[in-house]
Amino acid sequence: MATLEELEKIIKINPFSREFYQLALEYQKLGKLAEAKSVLVKGLEKNLGNFQARLLLTKIFIA
């Protein structure tokens, strides 16, 4: 599993990478909900079928 720093680098290079969910999950675990939301919204622009990401975004919105 990639570290937070590695995930951030991947997403910086390609905001639509499939790793966006993992980065958002790490942000959520750290309580960085605004960052998690931002990553999820951007990632879901190209990955609408990612059910886990959509569910996590829903959880963040109602948190």
Protein backbone atom coordinates (compact mmCIF):
# COMPACT_ATOMS: atom_id res chain seq x y z
CA MET A 1 0.00 0.00 0.00
CA ALA A 2 1.26 3.45 -0.89
CA THR A 3 2.01 6.04 1.77
CA LEU A 4 0.10 9.29 2.02
CA GLU A 5 3.00 11.15 0.42
CA GLU A 6 3.17 8.69 -2.48
CA LEU A 7 -0.57 8.96 -3.06
CA GLU A 8 -0.37 12.76 -3.04
CA LYS A 9 2.38 12.64 -5.69
CA ILE A 10 0.34 10.28 -7.87
CA ILE A 11 -2.72 12.52 -7.69
CA LYS A 12 -0.67 15.67 -8.28
CA ILE A 13 0.59 14.14 -11.53
CA ASN A 14 -2.80 12.73 -12.53
CA PRO A 15 -5.84 13.98 -10.56
CA PHE A 16 -7.98 11.35 -12.27
CA SER A 17 -5.82 8.39 -11.22
CA ARG A 18 -7.68 5.45 -9.71
CA GLU A 19 -5.64 6.04 -6.57
CA PHE A 20 -7.84 9.03 -5.74
CA TYR A 21 -10.06 6.85 -3.56
CA GLN A 22 -7.13 5.63 -1.46
CA LEU A 23 -5.89 9.19 -0.95
CA ALA A 24 -9.36 10.37 0.06
CA LEU A 25 -9.66 7.46 2.47
CA GLU A 26 -6.34 8.38 4.09
CA TYR A 27 -7.44 12.01 4.41
CA GLN A 28 -10.70 10.87 6.00
CA LYS A 29 -8.82 8.74 8.54
CA LEU A 30 -6.76 11.80 9.46
CA GLY A 31 -9.88 13.95 9.85
CA LYS A 32 -9.01 16.03 6.78
CA LEU A 33 -12.53 15.95 5.40
CA ALA A 34 -12.24 19.01 3.15
CA GLU A 35 -9.21 17.50 1.43
CA ALA A 36 -10.93 14.12 1.10
CA LYS A 37 -14.02 15.76 -0.40
CA SER A 38 -11.95 17.72 -2.91
CA VAL A 39 -10.04 14.64 -4.07
CA LEU A 40 -13.24 12.60 -4.37
CA VAL A 41 -15.13 15.22 -6.36
CA LYS A 42 -12.24 15.60 -8.81
CA GLY A 43 -11.64 11.86 -9.12
CA LEU A 44 -15.30 11.07 -9.65
CA GLU A 45 -15.39 13.38 -12.67
CA LYS A 46 -13.73 10.58 -14.67
CA ASN A 47 -14.59 7.59 -12.48
CA LEU A 48 -18.34 7.85 -11.87
CA GLY A 49 -18.63 4.09 -11.57
CA ASN A 50 -16.44 3.94 -8.48
CA PHE A 51 -19.09 2.95 -5.93
CA GLN A 52 -16.70 3.01 -2.96
CA ALA A 53 -15.66 6.58 -3.75
CA ARG A 54 -19.28 7.68 -4.12
CA LEU A 55 -20.15 6.07 -0.80
CA LEU A 56 -17.20 7.72 0.95
CA LEU A 57 -18.20 11.11 -0.48
CA THR A 58 -21.74 10.60 0.83
CA LYS A 59 -20.38 9.76 4.29
CA ILE A 60 -18.26 12.91 4.27
CA PHE A 61 -21.20 15.09 3.22
CA ILE A 62 -23.33 13.83 6.12
CA ALA A 63 -20.49 13.94 8.67
